[in-house]
Amino acid sequence: MLNAAGKKILRDVHLGFARIHVLHHAAEEQIFGLAMMEELKRHGYDISPGTMYPLLHALEAAGTLVSTDKVVNGKIRKYYRTTKAGDALLRELRAKIHELVEEVLDPRPHKTAQRRRNH
């Protein structure tokens, strides 16, 4: 059972994963908030509109997403795509994810553990 601090860390990591997921999909095609909430739910993330829309707005304010408005069924829907900066960020994140996955999921001892033993 996680304590309050552990739950906060887990939430922060999940929000980071959600940001990466949003960038990934926005690099592939135009996305919108409700569709991303449903996509994330498919992966076990229960993201509310009160979390999703500020997340999208923050990524846009950071210059990693750009939005366009389209009328869909008489209502305005905001669609997002990555910018060049967003694509560059996604490339860097993918490299870091790859490095982390190799280290965390590789069952062999790692160089950092070996260095600690040698000192």
PDB file of N, CA and C in Angstrom:
ATOM      1  N   MET A   1       0.837  -1.181   0.000  1.00  0.00           N
ATOM      2  CA  MET A   1       0.000   0.000   0.000  1.00  0.00           C
ATOM      3  C   MET A   1       0.885   1.248   0.000  1.00  0.00           C
ATOM      4  N   LEU A   2       0.626   2.142  -0.918  1.00  0.00           N
ATOM      5  CA  LEU A   2       1.421   3.357  -1.020  1.00  0.00           C
ATOM      6  C   LEU A   2       0.971   4.395  -0.001  1.00  0.00           C
ATOM      7  N   ASN A   3       1.949   5.112   0.566  1.00  0.00           N
ATOM      8  CA  ASN A   3       1.609   6.237   1.430  1.00  0.00           C
ATOM      9  C   ASN A   3       1.321   7.460   0.549  1.00  0.00           C
ATOM     10  N   ALA A   4       1.002   8.581   1.164  1.00  0.00           N
ATOM     11  CA  ALA A   4       0.635   9.790   0.415  1.00  0.00           C
ATOM     12  C   ALA A   4       1.772  10.250  -0.496  1.00  0.00           C
ATOM     13  N   ALA A   5       3.003  10.181  -0.009  1.00  0.00           N
ATOM     14  CA  ALA A   5       4.142  10.613  -0.828  1.00  0.00           C
ATOM     15  C   ALA A   5       4.311   9.692  -2.032  1.00  0.00           C
ATOM     16  N   GLY A   6       4.161   8.398  -1.823  1.00  0.00           N
ATOM     17  CA  GLY A   6       4.258   7.437  -2.926  1.00  0.00           C
ATOM     18  C   GLY A   6       3.163   7.650  -3.953  1.00  0.00           C
ATOM     19  N   LYS A   7       1.954   7.943  -3.489  1.00  0.00           N
ATOM     20  CA  LYS A   7       0.831   8.200  -4.411  1.00  0.00           C
ATOM     21  C   LYS A   7       1.092   9.444  -5.242  1.00  0.00           C
ATOM     22  N   LYS A   8       1.689  10.476  -4.621  1.00  0.00           N
ATOM     23  CA  LYS A   8       1.994  11.697  -5.370  1.00  0.00           C
ATOM     24  C   LYS A   8       3.049  11.432  -6.436  1.00  0.00           C
ATOM     25  N   ILE A   9       4.073  10.667  -6.075  1.00  0.00           N
ATOM     26  CA  ILE A   9       5.124  10.328  -7.051  1.00  0.00           C
ATOM     27  C   ILE A   9       4.513   9.549  -8.210  1.00  0.00           C
ATOM     28  N   LEU A  10       3.675   8.574  -7.907  1.00  0.00           N
ATOM     29  CA  LEU A  10       3.023   7.780  -8.948  1.00  0.00           C
ATOM     30  C   LEU A  10       2.168   8.667  -9.847  1.00  0.00           C
ATOM     31  N   ARG A  11       1.426   9.603  -9.268  1.00  0.00           N
ATOM     32  CA  ARG A  11       0.600  10.515 -10.071  1.00  0.00           C
ATOM     33  C   ARG A  11       1.475  11.383 -10.978  1.00  0.00           C
ATOM     34  N   ASP A  12       2.578  11.898 -10.437  1.00  0.00           N
ATOM     35  CA  ASP A  12       3.488  12.721 -11.245  1.00  0.00           C
ATOM     36  C   ASP A  12       4.045  11.924 -12.424  1.00  0.00           C
ATOM     37  N   VAL A  13       4.425  10.676 -12.177  1.00  0.00           N
ATOM     38  CA  VAL A  13       4.962   9.828 -13.250  1.00  0.00           C
ATOM     39  C   VAL A  13       3.875   9.559 -14.285  1.00  0.00           C
ATOM     40  N   HIS A  14       2.664   9.251 -13.833  1.00  0.00           N
ATOM     41  CA  HIS A  14       1.558   9.003 -14.769  1.00  0.00           C
ATOM     42  C   HIS A  14       1.268  10.230 -15.620  1.00  0.00           C
ATOM     43  N   LEU A  15       1.314  11.410 -15.018  1.00  0.00           N
ATOM     44  CA  LEU A  15       1.094  12.633 -15.798  1.00  0.00           C
ATOM     45  C   LEU A  15       2.215  12.837 -16.809  1.00  0.00           C
ATOM     46  N   GLY A  16       3.434  12.478 -16.443  1.00  0.00           N
ATOM     47  CA  GLY A  16       4.542  12.540 -17.395  1.00  0.00           C
ATOM     48  C   GLY A  16       4.317  11.583 -18.554  1.00  0.00           C
ATOM     49  N   PHE A  17       3.876  10.362 -18.236  1.00  0.00           N
ATOM     50  CA  PHE A  17       3.563   9.395 -19.286  1.00  0.00           C
ATOM     51  C   PHE A  17       2.443   9.913 -20.180  1.00  0.00           C
ATOM     52  N   ALA A  18       1.435  10.535 -19.578  1.00  0.00           N
ATOM     53  CA  ALA A  18       0.318  11.079 -20.362  1.00  0.00           C
ATOM     54  C   ALA A  18       0.821  12.159 -21.317  1.00  0.00           C
ATOM     55  N   ARG A  19       1.706  13.031 -20.855  1.00  0.00           N
ATOM     56  CA  ARG A  19       2.269  14.080 -21.719  1.00  0.00           C
ATOM     57  C   ARG A  19       3.005  13.458 -22.912  1.00  0.00           C
ATOM     58  N   ILE A  20       3.814  12.441 -22.625  1.00  0.00           N
ATOM     59  CA  ILE A  20       4.560  11.776 -23.695  1.00  0.00           C
ATOM     60  C   ILE A  20       3.600  11.118 -24.673  1.00  0.00           C
ATOM     61  N   HIS A  21       2.567  10.490 -24.148  1.00  0.00           N
ATOM     62  CA  HIS A  21       1.570   9.824 -24.992  1.00  0.00           C
ATOM     63  C   HIS A  21       0.876  10.846 -25.904  1.00  0.00           C
ATOM     64  N   VAL A  22       0.519  11.998 -25.339  1.00  0.00           N
ATOM     65  CA  VAL A  22      -0.114  13.063 -26.120  1.00  0.00           C
ATOM     66  C   VAL A  22       0.827  13.520 -27.230  1.00  0.00           C
ATOM     67  N   LEU A  23       2.084  13.772 -26.898  1.00  0.00           N
ATOM     68  CA  LEU A  23       3.047  14.200 -27.925  1.00  0.00           C
ATOM     69  C   LEU A  23       3.190  13.142 -29.012  1.00  0.00           C
ATOM     70  N   HIS A  24       3.257  11.888 -28.611  1.00  0.00           N
ATOM     71  CA  HIS A  24       3.382  10.786 -29.576  1.00  0.00           C
ATOM     72  C   HIS A  24       2.224  10.796 -30.572  1.00  0.00           C
ATOM     73  N   HIS A  25       1.002  10.867 -30.066  1.00  0.00           N
ATOM     74  CA  HIS A  25      -0.154  10.830 -30.965  1.00  0.00           C
ATOM     75  C   HIS A  25      -0.286  12.112 -31.782  1.00  0.00           C
ATOM     76  N   ALA A  26       0.049  13.252 -31.176  1.00  0.00           N
ATOM     77  CA  ALA A  26      -0.038  14.525 -31.904  1.00  0.00           C
ATOM     78  C   ALA A  26       1.015  14.609 -32.996  1.00  0.00           C
ATOM     79  N   ALA A  27       2.089  13.854 -32.872  1.00  0.00           N
ATOM     80  CA  ALA A  27       3.103  13.808 -33.928  1.00  0.00           C
ATOM     81  C   ALA A  27       2.616  12.954 -35.099  1.00  0.00           C
ATOM     82  N   GLU A  28       1.748  11.984 -34.817  1.00  0.00           N
ATOM     83  CA  GLU A  28       1.246  11.090 -35.863  1.00  0.00           C
ATOM     84  C   GLU A  28       0.059  11.666 -36.617  1.00  0.00           C
ATOM     85  N   GLU A  29      -0.825  12.378 -35.895  1.00  0.00           N
ATOM     86  CA  GLU A  29      -2.041  12.924 -36.495  1.00  0.00           C
ATOM     87  C   GLU A  29      -2.622  13.989 -35.581  1.00  0.00           C
ATOM     88  N   GLN A  30      -3.610  14.712 -36.090  1.00  0.00           N
ATOM     89  CA  GLN A  30      -4.295  15.686 -35.248  1.00  0.00           C
ATOM     90  C   GLN A  30      -5.040  14.949 -34.141  1.00  0.00           C
ATOM     91  N   ILE A  31      -4.982  15.515 -32.943  1.00  0.00           N
ATOM     92  CA  ILE A  31      -5.692  14.916 -31.813  1.00  0.00           C
ATOM     93  C   ILE A  31      -6.616  15.960 -31.199  1.00  0.00           C
ATOM     94  N   PHE A  32      -7.573  15.498 -30.402  1.00  0.00           N
ATOM     95  CA  PHE A  32      -8.384  16.410 -29.602  1.00  0.00           C
ATOM     96  C   PHE A  32      -8.575  15.788 -28.227  1.00  0.00           C
ATOM     97  N   GLY A  33      -8.939  16.611 -27.266  1.00  0.00           N
ATOM     98  CA  GLY A  33      -8.946  16.212 -25.866  1.00  0.00           C
ATOM     99  C   GLY A  33      -9.724  14.951 -25.547  1.00  0.00           C
ATOM    100  N   LEU A  34     -10.978  14.874 -25.957  1.00  0.00           N
ATOM    101  CA  LEU A  34     -11.809  13.724 -25.621  1.00  0.00           C
ATOM    102  C   LEU A  34     -11.239  12.433 -26.197  1.00  0.00           C
ATOM    103  N   ALA A  35     -10.767  12.474 -27.426  1.00  0.00           N
ATOM    104  CA  ALA A  35     -10.178  11.283 -28.041  1.00  0.00           C
ATOM    105  C   ALA A  35      -8.926  10.850 -27.278  1.00  0.00           C
ATOM    106  N   MET A  36      -8.117  11.807 -26.806  1.00  0.00           N
ATOM    107  CA  MET A  36      -6.927  11.460 -26.046  1.00  0.00           C
ATOM    108  C   MET A  36      -7.297  10.889 -24.684  1.00  0.00           C
ATOM    109  N   MET A  37      -8.342  11.396 -24.076  1.00  0.00           N
ATOM    110  CA  MET A  37      -8.796  10.831 -22.802  1.00  0.00           C
ATOM    111  C   MET A  37      -9.204   9.371 -22.998  1.00  0.00           C
ATOM    112  N   GLU A  38      -9.895   9.087 -24.094  1.00  0.00           N
ATOM    113  CA  GLU A  38     -10.310   7.711 -24.389  1.00  0.00           C
ATOM    114  C   GLU A  38      -9.098   6.832 -24.701  1.00  0.00           C
ATOM    115  N   GLU A  39      -8.125   7.365 -25.447  1.00  0.00           N
ATOM    116  CA  GLU A  39      -6.918   6.616 -25.766  1.00  0.00           C
ATOM    117  C   GLU A  39      -6.142   6.289 -24.488  1.00  0.00           C
ATOM    118  N   LEU A  40      -5.986   7.267 -23.629  1.00  0.00           N
ATOM    119  CA  LEU A  40      -5.271   7.032 -22.383  1.00  0.00           C
ATOM    120  C   LEU A  40      -6.012   6.043 -21.489  1.00  0.00           C
ATOM    121  N   LYS A  41      -7.334   6.105 -21.507  1.00  0.00           N
ATOM    122  CA  LYS A  41      -8.134   5.158 -20.724  1.00  0.00           C
ATOM    123  C   LYS A  41      -7.883   3.723 -21.193  1.00  0.00           C
ATOM    124  N   ARG A  42      -7.709   3.547 -22.503  1.00  0.00           N
ATOM    125  CA  ARG A  42      -7.385   2.226 -23.056  1.00  0.00           C
ATOM    126  C   ARG A  42      -6.107   1.659 -22.444  1.00  0.00           C
ATOM    127  N   HIS A  43      -5.225   2.553 -22.013  1.00  0.00           N
ATOM    128  CA  HIS A  43      -3.949   2.153 -21.428  1.00  0.00           C
ATOM    129  C   HIS A  43      -3.967   2.192 -19.897  1.00  0.00           C
ATOM    130  N   GLY A  44      -5.150   2.355 -19.327  1.00  0.00           N
ATOM    131  CA  GLY A  44      -5.281   2.308 -17.881  1.00  0.00           C
ATOM    132  C   GLY A  44      -5.165   3.634 -17.160  1.00  0.00           C
ATOM    133  N   TYR A  45      -5.104   4.735 -17.891  1.00  0.00           N
ATOM    134  CA  TYR A  45      -5.037   6.056 -17.277  1.00  0.00           C
ATOM    135  C   TYR A  45      -6.420   6.670 -17.276  1.00  0.00           C
ATOM    136  N   ASP A  46      -6.906   7.042 -16.114  1.00  0.00           N
ATOM    137  CA  ASP A  46      -8.215   7.671 -16.015  1.00  0.00           C
ATOM    138  C   ASP A  46      -8.000   9.177 -15.861  1.00  0.00           C
ATOM    139  N   ILE A  47      -7.891   9.858 -16.989  1.00  0.00           N
ATOM    140  CA  ILE A  47      -7.608  11.296 -17.023  1.00  0.00           C
ATOM    141  C   ILE A  47      -8.927  12.050 -17.170  1.00  0.00           C
ATOM    142  N   SER A  48      -9.186  12.966 -16.260  1.00  0.00           N
ATOM    143  CA  SER A  48     -10.416  13.762 -16.313  1.00  0.00           C
ATOM    144  C   SER A  48     -10.214  14.962 -17.243  1.00  0.00           C
ATOM    145  N   PRO A  49     -11.324  15.578 -17.687  1.00  0.00           N
ATOM    146  CA  PRO A  49     -11.186  16.808 -18.487  1.00  0.00           C
ATOM    147  C   PRO A  49     -10.420  17.895 -17.724  1.00  0.00           C
ATOM    148  N   GLY A  50     -10.575  17.914 -16.401  1.00  0.00           N
ATOM    149  CA  GLY A  50      -9.881  18.897 -15.575  1.00  0.00           C
ATOM    150  C   GLY A  50      -8.377  18.693 -15.525  1.00  0.00           C
ATOM    151  N   THR A  51      -7.922  17.525 -15.968  1.00  0.00           N
ATOM    152  CA  THR A  51      -6.491  17.251 -16.088  1.00  0.00           C
ATOM    153  C   THR A  51      -6.047  17.342 -17.546  1.00  0.00           C
ATOM    154  N   MET A  52      -6.862  16.782 -18.454  1.00  0.00           N
ATOM    155  CA  MET A  52      -6.469  16.717 -19.863  1.00  0.00           C
ATOM    156  C   MET A  52      -6.328  18.096 -20.497  1.00  0.00           C
ATOM    157  N   TYR A  53      -7.325  18.947 -20.319  1.00  0.00           N
ATOM    158  CA  TYR A  53      -7.287  20.224 -21.035  1.00  0.00           C
ATOM    159  C   TYR A  53      -6.187  21.153 -20.523  1.00  0.00           C
ATOM    160  N   PRO A  54      -5.940  21.239 -19.212  1.00  0.00           N
ATOM    161  CA  PRO A  54      -4.769  22.013 -18.773  1.00  0.00           C
ATOM    162  C   PRO A  54      -3.449  21.415 -19.279  1.00  0.00           C
ATOM    163  N   LEU A  55      -3.376  20.089 -19.385  1.00  0.00           N
ATOM    164  CA  LEU A  55      -2.185  19.436 -19.919  1.00  0.00           C
ATOM    165  C   LEU A  55      -1.962  19.864 -21.375  1.00  0.00           C
ATOM    166  N   LEU A  56      -3.021  19.819 -22.188  1.00  0.00           N
ATOM    167  CA  LEU A  56      -2.913  20.246 -23.592  1.00  0.00           C
ATOM    168  C   LEU A  56      -2.528  21.720 -23.694  1.00  0.00           C
ATOM    169  N   HIS A  57      -3.162  22.558 -22.856  1.00  0.00           N
ATOM    170  CA  HIS A  57      -2.862  23.995 -22.899  1.00  0.00           C
ATOM    171  C   HIS A  57      -1.429  24.270 -22.470  1.00  0.00           C
ATOM    172  N   ALA A  58      -0.930  23.519 -21.490  1.00  0.00           N
ATOM    173  CA  ALA A  58       0.454  23.708 -21.045  1.00  0.00           C
ATOM    174  C   ALA A  58       1.435  23.289 -22.134  1.00  0.00           C
ATOM    175  N   LEU A  59       1.151  22.189 -22.831  1.00  0.00           N
ATOM    176  CA  LEU A  59       2.023  21.763 -23.934  1.00  0.00           C
ATOM    177  C   LEU A  59       1.991  22.783 -25.067  1.00  0.00           C
ATOM    178  N   GLU A  60       0.837  23.380 -25.294  1.00  0.00           N
ATOM    179  CA  GLU A  60       0.746  24.419 -26.324  1.00  0.00           C
ATOM    180  C   GLU A  60       1.511  25.671 -25.876  1.00  0.00           C
ATOM    181  N   ALA A  61       1.346  26.064 -24.620  1.00  0.00           N
ATOM    182  CA  ALA A  61       2.048  27.246 -24.104  1.00  0.00           C
ATOM    183  C   ALA A  61       3.566  27.044 -24.131  1.00  0.00           C
ATOM    184  N   ALA A  62       4.000  25.809 -23.993  1.00  0.00           N
ATOM    185  CA  ALA A  62       5.429  25.485 -24.035  1.00  0.00           C
ATOM    186  C   ALA A  62       5.976  25.458 -25.456  1.00  0.00           C
ATOM    187  N   GLY A  63       5.082  25.583 -26.449  1.00  0.00           N
ATOM    188  CA  GLY A  63       5.521  25.598 -27.840  1.00  0.00           C
ATOM    189  C   GLY A  63       5.692  24.222 -28.450  1.00  0.00           C
ATOM    190  N   THR A  64       5.204  23.177 -27.772  1.00  0.00           N
ATOM    191  CA  THR A  64       5.344  21.818 -28.294  1.00  0.00           C
ATOM    192  C   THR A  64       4.125  21.346 -29.071  1.00  0.00           C
ATOM    193  N   LEU A  65       2.993  22.009 -28.862  1.00  0.00           N
ATOM    194  CA  LEU A  65       1.774  21.732 -29.625  1.00  0.00           C
ATOM    195  C   LEU A  65       1.255  23.032 -30.204  1.00  0.00           C
ATOM    196  N   VAL A  66       0.548  22.908 -31.311  1.00  0.00           N
ATOM    197  CA  VAL A  66      -0.163  24.041 -31.896  1.00  0.00           C
ATOM    198  C   VAL A  66      -1.596  23.578 -32.148  1.00  0.00           C
ATOM    199  N   SER A  67      -2.550  24.477 -31.939  1.00  0.00           N
ATOM    200  CA  SER A  67      -3.949  24.082 -32.087  1.00  0.00           C
ATOM    201  C   SER A  67      -4.616  24.811 -33.238  1.00  0.00           C
ATOM    202  N   THR A  68      -5.634  24.154 -33.771  1.00  0.00           N
ATOM    203  CA  THR A  68      -6.514  24.762 -34.764  1.00  0.00           C
ATOM    204  C   THR A  68      -7.941  24.422 -34.361  1.00  0.00           C
ATOM    205  N   ASP A  69      -8.839  25.350 -34.612  1.00  0.00           N
ATOM    206  CA  ASP A  69     -10.252  25.130 -34.301  1.00  0.00           C
ATOM    207  C   ASP A  69     -10.986  24.686 -35.549  1.00  0.00           C
ATOM    208  N   LYS A  70     -11.851  23.678 -35.375  1.00  0.00           N
ATOM    209  CA  LYS A  70     -12.698  23.209 -36.463  1.00  0.00           C
ATOM    210  C   LYS A  70     -14.104  23.038 -35.933  1.00  0.00           C
ATOM    211  N   VAL A  71     -15.076  23.298 -36.791  1.00  0.00           N
ATOM    212  CA  VAL A  71     -16.466  23.098 -36.411  1.00  0.00           C
ATOM    213  C   VAL A  71     -16.838  21.647 -36.714  1.00  0.00           C
ATOM    214  N   VAL A  72     -17.296  20.947 -35.677  1.00  0.00           N
ATOM    215  CA  VAL A  72     -17.703  19.547 -35.794  1.00  0.00           C
ATOM    216  C   VAL A  72     -19.093  19.434 -35.190  1.00  0.00           C
ATOM    217  N   ASN A  73     -20.072  19.041 -36.023  1.00  0.00           N
ATOM    218  CA  ASN A  73     -21.462  18.928 -35.570  1.00  0.00           C
ATOM    219  C   ASN A  73     -21.953  20.205 -34.901  1.00  0.00           C
ATOM    220  N   GLY A  74     -21.598  21.333 -35.479  1.00  0.00           N
ATOM    221  CA  GLY A  74     -22.052  22.628 -34.985  1.00  0.00           C
ATOM    222  C   GLY A  74     -21.295  23.159 -33.782  1.00  0.00           C
ATOM    223  N   LYS A  75     -20.295  22.429 -33.313  1.00  0.00           N
ATOM    224  CA  LYS A  75     -19.515  22.868 -32.152  1.00  0.00           C
ATOM    225  C   LYS A  75     -18.055  23.022 -32.566  1.00  0.00           C
ATOM    226  N   ILE A  76     -17.390  23.953 -31.903  1.00  0.00           N
ATOM    227  CA  ILE A  76     -15.963  24.162 -32.190  1.00  0.00           C
ATOM    228  C   ILE A  76     -15.154  23.131 -31.410  1.00  0.00           C
ATOM    229  N   ARG A  77     -14.291  22.425 -32.123  1.00  0.00           N
ATOM    230  CA  ARG A  77     -13.393  21.447 -31.505  1.00  0.00           C
ATOM    231  C   ARG A  77     -11.963  21.897 -31.783  1.00  0.00           C
ATOM    232  N   LYS A  78     -11.137  21.858 -30.747  1.00  0.00           N
ATOM    233  CA  LYS A  78      -9.739  22.255 -30.860  1.00  0.00           C
ATOM    234  C   LYS A  78      -8.900  21.008 -31.141  1.00  0.00           C
ATOM    235  N   TYR A  79      -8.171  21.036 -32.256  1.00  0.00           N
ATOM    236  CA  TYR A  79      -7.277  19.950 -32.640  1.00  0.00           C
ATOM    237  C   TYR A  79      -5.839  20.379 -32.412  1.00  0.00           C
ATOM    238  N   TYR A  80      -5.001  19.426 -32.045  1.00  0.00           N
ATOM    239  CA  TYR A  80      -3.603  19.702 -31.737  1.00  0.00           C
ATOM    240  C   TYR A  80      -2.684  18.845 -32.597  1.00  0.00           C
ATOM    241  N   ARG A  81      -1.550  19.436 -32.970  1.00  0.00           N
ATOM    242  CA  ARG A  81      -0.440  18.739 -33.649  1.00  0.00           C
ATOM    243  C   ARG A  81       0.850  19.196 -32.982  1.00  0.00           C
ATOM    244  N   THR A  82       1.884  18.387 -33.107  1.00  0.00           N
ATOM    245  CA  THR A  82       3.169  18.818 -32.564  1.00  0.00           C
ATOM    246  C   THR A  82       3.774  19.888 -33.475  1.00  0.00           C
ATOM    247  N   THR A  83       4.577  20.717 -32.872  1.00  0.00           N
ATOM    248  CA  THR A  83       5.384  21.692 -33.602  1.00  0.00           C
ATOM    249  C   THR A  83       6.751  21.042 -33.854  1.00  0.00           C
ATOM    250  N   LYS A  84       7.633  21.764 -34.544  1.00  0.00           N
ATOM    251  CA  LYS A  84       8.998  21.251 -34.717  1.00  0.00           C
ATOM    252  C   LYS A  84       9.651  21.056 -33.357  1.00  0.00           C
ATOM    253  N   ALA A  85       9.404  21.985 -32.435  1.00  0.00           N
ATOM    254  CA  ALA A  85       9.957  21.851 -31.082  1.00  0.00           C
ATOM    255  C   ALA A  85       9.370  20.629 -30.379  1.00  0.00           C
ATOM    256  N   GLY A  86       8.089  20.377 -30.592  1.00  0.00           N
ATOM    257  CA  GLY A  86       7.453  19.194 -30.008  1.00  0.00           C
ATOM    258  C   GLY A  86       8.013  17.905 -30.568  1.00  0.00           C
ATOM    259  N   ASP A  87       8.277  17.896 -31.873  1.00  0.00           N
ATOM    260  CA  ASP A  87       8.888  16.711 -32.496  1.00  0.00           C
ATOM    261  C   ASP A  87      10.291  16.475 -31.949  1.00  0.00           C
ATOM    262  N   ALA A  88      11.053  17.555 -31.772  1.00  0.00           N
ATOM    263  CA  ALA A  88      12.409  17.430 -31.230  1.00  0.00           C
ATOM    264  C   ALA A  88      12.359  16.929 -29.786  1.00  0.00           C
ATOM    265  N   LEU A  89      11.431  17.454 -29.008  1.00  0.00           N
ATOM    266  CA  LEU A  89      11.266  17.007 -27.625  1.00  0.00           C
ATOM    267  C   LEU A  89      10.898  15.530 -27.589  1.00  0.00           C
ATOM    268  N   LEU A  90       9.999  15.112 -28.450  1.00  0.00           N
ATOM    269  CA  LEU A  90       9.580  13.715 -28.493  1.00  0.00           C
ATOM    270  C   LEU A  90      10.757  12.803 -28.837  1.00  0.00           C
ATOM    271  N   ARG A  91      11.598  13.211 -29.777  1.00  0.00           N
ATOM    272  CA  ARG A  91      12.787  12.413 -30.110  1.00  0.00           C
ATOM    273  C   ARG A  91      13.687  12.256 -28.881  1.00  0.00           C
ATOM    274  N   GLU A  92      13.897  13.352 -28.162  1.00  0.00           N
ATOM    275  CA  GLU A  92      14.738  13.299 -26.961  1.00  0.00           C
ATOM    276  C   GLU A  92      14.094  12.417 -25.885  1.00  0.00           C
ATOM    277  N   LEU A  93      12.796  12.549 -25.707  1.00  0.00           N
ATOM    278  CA  LEU A  93      12.090  11.718 -24.714  1.00  0.00           C
ATOM    279  C   LEU A  93      12.164  10.238 -25.070  1.00  0.00           C
ATOM    280  N   ARG A  94      12.024   9.930 -26.351  1.00  0.00           N
ATOM    281  CA  ARG A  94      12.109   8.527 -26.778  1.00  0.00           C
ATOM    282  C   ARG A  94      13.487   7.948 -26.463  1.00  0.00           C
ATOM    283  N   ALA A  95      14.526   8.724 -26.673  1.00  0.00           N
ATOM    284  CA  ALA A  95      15.886   8.256 -26.367  1.00  0.00           C
ATOM    285  C   ALA A  95      16.033   8.012 -24.866  1.00  0.00           C
ATOM    286  N   LYS A  96      15.514   8.916 -24.054  1.00  0.00           N
ATOM    287  CA  LYS A  96      15.589   8.757 -22.601  1.00  0.00           C
ATOM    288  C   LYS A  96      14.758   7.566 -22.140  1.00  0.00           C
ATOM    289  N   ILE A  97      13.602   7.376 -22.735  1.00  0.00           N
ATOM    290  CA  ILE A  97      12.754   6.224 -22.383  1.00  0.00           C
ATOM    291  C   ILE A  97      13.482   4.932 -22.722  1.00  0.00           C
ATOM    292  N   HIS A  98      14.088   4.888 -23.898  1.00  0.00           N
ATOM    293  CA  HIS A  98      14.824   3.699 -24.318  1.00  0.00           C
ATOM    294  C   HIS A  98      15.942   3.388 -23.318  1.00  0.00           C
ATOM    295  N   GLU A  99      16.705   4.395 -22.954  1.00  0.00           N
ATOM    296  CA  GLU A  99      17.799   4.221 -21.999  1.00  0.00           C
ATOM    297  C   GLU A  99      17.271   3.730 -20.644  1.00  0.00           C
ATOM    298  N   LEU A 100      16.196   4.331 -20.171  1.00  0.00           N
ATOM    299  CA  LEU A 100      15.619   3.962 -18.880  1.00  0.00           C
ATOM    300  C   LEU A 100      15.086   2.535 -18.899  1.00  0.00           C
ATOM    301  N   VAL A 101      14.374   2.185 -19.962  1.00  0.00           N
ATOM    302  CA  VAL A 101      13.807   0.835 -20.057  1.00  0.00           C
ATOM    303  C   VAL A 101      14.920  -0.208 -20.071  1.00  0.00           C
ATOM    304  N   GLU A 102      15.966   0.050 -20.836  1.00  0.00           N
ATOM    305  CA  GLU A 102      17.085  -0.896 -20.866  1.00  0.00           C
ATOM    306  C   GLU A 102      17.683  -1.084 -19.480  1.00  0.00           C
ATOM    307  N   GLU A 103      17.865   0.003 -18.755  1.00  0.00           N
ATOM    308  CA  GLU A 103      18.492  -0.088 -17.440  1.00  0.00           C
ATOM    309  C   GLU A 103      17.554  -0.707 -16.408  1.00  0.00           C
ATOM    310  N   VAL A 104      16.312  -0.267 -16.371  1.00  0.00           N
ATOM    311  CA  VAL A 104      15.385  -0.725 -15.333  1.00  0.00           C
ATOM    312  C   VAL A 104      14.917  -2.155 -15.565  1.00  0.00           C
ATOM    313  N   LEU A 105      14.713  -2.535 -16.817  1.00  0.00           N
ATOM    314  CA  LEU A 105      14.161  -3.858 -17.096  1.00  0.00           C
ATOM    315  C   LEU A 105      15.207  -4.918 -17.431  1.00  0.00           C
ATOM    316  N   ASP A 106      16.459  -4.527 -17.625  1.00  0.00           N
ATOM    317  CA  ASP A 106      17.521  -5.484 -17.915  1.00  0.00           C
ATOM    318  C   ASP A 106      17.914  -6.166 -16.606  1.00  0.00           C
ATOM    319  N   PRO A 107      17.837  -7.491 -16.534  1.00  0.00           N
ATOM    320  CA  PRO A 107      18.119  -8.181 -15.270  1.00  0.00           C
ATOM    321  C   PRO A 107      19.606  -8.239 -14.905  1.00  0.00           C
ATOM    322  N   ARG A 108      20.487  -7.915 -15.829  1.00  0.00           N
ATOM    323  CA  ARG A 108      21.925  -7.970 -15.538  1.00  0.00           C
ATOM    324  C   ARG A 108      22.346  -6.783 -14.678  1.00  0.00           C
ATOM    325  N   PRO A 109      23.408  -6.955 -13.881  1.00  0.00           N
ATOM    326  CA  PRO A 109      23.921  -5.818 -13.102  1.00  0.00           C
ATOM    327  C   PRO A 109      24.365  -4.697 -14.044  1.00  0.00           C
ATOM    328  N   HIS A 110      24.189  -3.490 -13.600  1.00  0.00           N
ATOM    329  CA  HIS A 110      24.516  -2.329 -14.444  1.00  0.00           C
ATOM    330  C   HIS A 110      25.830  -1.700 -14.024  1.00  0.00           C
ATOM    331  N   LYS A 111      26.346  -0.916 -14.907  1.00  0.00           N
ATOM    332  CA  LYS A 111      27.632  -0.267 -14.680  1.00  0.00           C
ATOM    333  C   LYS A 111      27.622   0.583 -13.417  1.00  0.00           C
ATOM    334  N   THR A 112      26.512   1.276 -13.135  1.00  0.00           N
ATOM    335  CA  THR A 112      26.471   2.120 -11.935  1.00  0.00           C
ATOM    336  C   THR A 112      26.605   1.275 -10.683  1.00  0.00           C
ATOM    337  N   ALA A 113      25.959   0.117 -10.641  1.00  0.00           N
ATOM    338  CA  ALA A 113      26.078  -0.768  -9.483  1.00  0.00           C
ATOM    339  C   ALA A 113      27.496  -1.310  -9.384  1.00  0.00           C
ATOM    340  N   GLN A 114      28.093  -1.619 -10.525  1.00  0.00           N
ATOM    341  CA  GLN A 114      29.465  -2.118 -10.527  1.00  0.00           C
ATOM    342  C   GLN A 114      30.427  -1.043 -10.047  1.00  0.00           C
ATOM    343  N   ARG A 115      30.206   0.214 -10.467  1.00  0.00           N
ATOM    344  CA  ARG A 115      31.074   1.322 -10.028  1.00  0.00           C
ATOM    345  C   ARG A 115      30.987   1.486  -8.517  1.00  0.00           C
ATOM    346  N   ARG A 116      29.786   1.387  -7.946  1.00  0.00           N
ATOM    347  CA  ARG A 116      29.617   1.539  -6.518  1.00  0.00           C
ATOM    348  C   ARG A 116      30.388   0.458  -5.749  1.00  0.00           C
ATOM    349  N   ARG A 117      30.365  -0.748  -6.277  1.00  0.00           N
ATOM    350  CA  ARG A 117      31.067  -1.856  -5.620  1.00  0.00           C
ATOM    351  C   ARG A 117      32.583  -1.646  -5.681  1.00  0.00           C
ATOM    352  N   ASN A 118      33.064  -0.995  -6.729  1.00  0.00           N
ATOM    353  CA  ASN A 118      34.500  -0.804  -6.918  1.00  0.00           C
ATOM    354  C   ASN A 118      35.046   0.357  -6.086  1.00  0.00           C
ATOM    355  N   HIS A 119      34.183   1.169  -5.512  1.00  0.00           N
ATOM    356  CA  HIS A 119      34.654   2.337  -4.733  1.00  0.00           C
ATOM    357  C   HIS A 119      34.567   2.097  -3.261  1.00  0.00           C
TER     358      HIS A 119
END
